[in-house]
Amino acid sequence: MIQSRLTTKAQTTIPAPVRKALGLKEGDLVSYRIEQGRVIMTRAENPPDDPFATFSEWDSAADRKAYADF
């Protein structure tokens, strides 16, 4: 069993074997799910750097031309 200690600020270090198993690196997001008294931690998808990248329906040639001066 892998363990880590909780600080007075309710923080802990994710042990290296867990980071390696999940492929975690600095800046990555993790998600927690509670199921029947247990916590399941998974690697979360990081949001895109460009918040407008998710609006692909507004990325046509006509849109780029219409909004080129803004």
C-alpha atoms as a PDB file:
ATOM      1  CA  MET A   1       0.000   0.000   0.000  1.00  0.00           C
ATOM      2  CA  ILE A   2       1.236   3.493  -0.868  1.00  0.00           C
ATOM      3  CA  GLN A   3       0.642   6.223   1.704  1.00  0.00           C
ATOM      4  CA  SER A   4       1.200   9.956   2.129  1.00  0.00           C
ATOM      5  CA  ARG A   5       0.698  12.285   5.077  1.00  0.00           C
ATOM      6  CA  LEU A   6      -1.845  15.128   5.237  1.00  0.00           C
ATOM      7  CA  THR A   7      -0.504  18.545   6.263  1.00  0.00           C
ATOM      8  CA  THR A   8      -2.234  21.029   8.570  1.00  0.00           C
ATOM      9  CA  LYS A   9      -3.525  22.747   5.415  1.00  0.00           C
ATOM     10  CA  ALA A  10      -5.128  19.480   4.211  1.00  0.00           C
ATOM     11  CA  GLN A  11      -2.486  19.081   1.488  1.00  0.00           C
ATOM     12  CA  THR A  12      -0.572  15.988   0.513  1.00  0.00           C
ATOM     13  CA  THR A  13       2.072  15.003  -2.006  1.00  0.00           C
ATOM     14  CA  ILE A  14       0.988  12.475  -4.582  1.00  0.00           C
ATOM     15  CA  PRO A  15       3.583   9.726  -4.226  1.00  0.00           C
ATOM     16  CA  ALA A  16       5.919   9.147  -7.183  1.00  0.00           C
ATOM     17  CA  PRO A  17       4.576   5.643  -8.000  1.00  0.00           C
ATOM     18  CA  VAL A  18       1.043   7.079  -8.264  1.00  0.00           C
ATOM     19  CA  ARG A  19       2.216  10.001 -10.423  1.00  0.00           C
ATOM     20  CA  LYS A  20       4.040   7.579 -12.680  1.00  0.00           C
ATOM     21  CA  ALA A  21       1.079   5.207 -12.940  1.00  0.00           C
ATOM     22  CA  LEU A  22      -1.228   8.073 -13.957  1.00  0.00           C
ATOM     23  CA  GLY A  23       1.354   9.833 -16.117  1.00  0.00           C
ATOM     24  CA  LEU A  24       1.032  13.020 -14.059  1.00  0.00           C
ATOM     25  CA  LYS A  25       3.343  15.993 -14.400  1.00  0.00           C
ATOM     26  CA  GLU A  26       3.427  19.497 -12.969  1.00  0.00           C
ATOM     27  CA  GLY A  27       0.314  21.488 -13.858  1.00  0.00           C
ATOM     28  CA  ASP A  28      -1.867  18.463 -14.639  1.00  0.00           C
ATOM     29  CA  LEU A  29      -5.377  18.283 -13.231  1.00  0.00           C
ATOM     30  CA  VAL A  30      -6.634  15.339 -11.212  1.00  0.00           C
ATOM     31  CA  SER A  31     -10.237  14.310 -10.570  1.00  0.00           C
ATOM     32  CA  TYR A  32     -11.626  12.599  -7.498  1.00  0.00           C
ATOM     33  CA  ARG A  33     -14.697  10.370  -7.299  1.00  0.00           C
ATOM     34  CA  ILE A  34     -16.086   9.023  -4.026  1.00  0.00           C
ATOM     35  CA  GLU A  35     -17.599   5.544  -4.221  1.00  0.00           C
ATOM     36  CA  GLN A  36     -18.686   3.517  -1.203  1.00  0.00           C
ATOM     37  CA  GLY A  37     -16.274   5.174   1.209  1.00  0.00           C
ATOM     38  CA  ARG A  38     -13.323   5.085  -1.191  1.00  0.00           C
ATOM     39  CA  VAL A  39     -11.784   7.821  -3.295  1.00  0.00           C
ATOM     40  CA  ILE A  40     -10.808   7.133  -6.878  1.00  0.00           C
ATOM     41  CA  MET A  41      -8.287   9.578  -8.298  1.00  0.00           C
ATOM     42  CA  THR A  42      -7.809   9.850 -12.056  1.00  0.00           C
ATOM     43  CA  ARG A  43      -5.922  12.103 -14.400  1.00  0.00           C
ATOM     44  CA  ALA A  44      -8.265  14.788 -15.746  1.00  0.00           C
ATOM     45  CA  GLU A  45      -8.162  16.378 -19.160  1.00  0.00           C
ATOM     46  CA  ASN A  46      -6.456  19.753 -19.032  1.00  0.00           C
ATOM     47  CA  PRO A  47      -8.522  22.546 -20.520  1.00  0.00           C
ATOM     48  CA  PRO A  48      -7.247  23.943 -23.820  1.00  0.00           C
ATOM     49  CA  ASP A  49      -4.944  26.973 -23.627  1.00  0.00           C
ATOM     50  CA  ASP A  50      -7.260  28.770 -26.025  1.00  0.00           C
ATOM     51  CA  PRO A  51     -10.734  28.975 -24.473  1.00  0.00           C
ATOM     52  CA  PHE A  52     -12.228  29.602 -27.928  1.00  0.00           C
ATOM     53  CA  ALA A  53     -10.738  26.392 -29.335  1.00  0.00           C
ATOM     54  CA  THR A  54     -13.848  24.551 -28.175  1.00  0.00           C
ATOM     55  CA  PHE A  55     -16.046  26.709 -30.441  1.00  0.00           C
ATOM     56  CA  SER A  56     -15.052  24.997 -33.669  1.00  0.00           C
ATOM     57  CA  GLU A  57     -18.476  25.717 -35.188  1.00  0.00           C
ATOM     58  CA  TRP A  58     -17.456  29.412 -35.301  1.00  0.00           C
ATOM     59  CA  ASP A  59     -14.156  28.781 -37.058  1.00  0.00           C
ATOM     60  CA  SER A  60     -15.060  28.831 -40.703  1.00  0.00           C
ATOM     61  CA  ALA A  61     -13.339  30.872 -43.396  1.00  0.00           C
ATOM     62  CA  ALA A  62     -16.416  33.134 -43.503  1.00  0.00           C
ATOM     63  CA  ASP A  63     -16.189  33.755 -39.749  1.00  0.00           C
ATOM     64  CA  ARG A  64     -12.479  34.575 -39.902  1.00  0.00           C
ATOM     65  CA  LYS A  65     -13.110  37.011 -42.769  1.00  0.00           C
ATOM     66  CA  ALA A  66     -16.105  38.648 -41.045  1.00  0.00           C
ATOM     67  CA  TYR A  67     -14.252  39.189 -37.765  1.00  0.00           C
ATOM     68  CA  ALA A  68     -10.760  39.889 -39.106  1.00  0.00           C
ATOM     69  CA  ASP A  69     -10.863  43.561 -38.086  1.00  0.00           C
ATOM     70  CA  PHE A  70     -11.955  42.945 -34.475  1.00  0.00           C
END
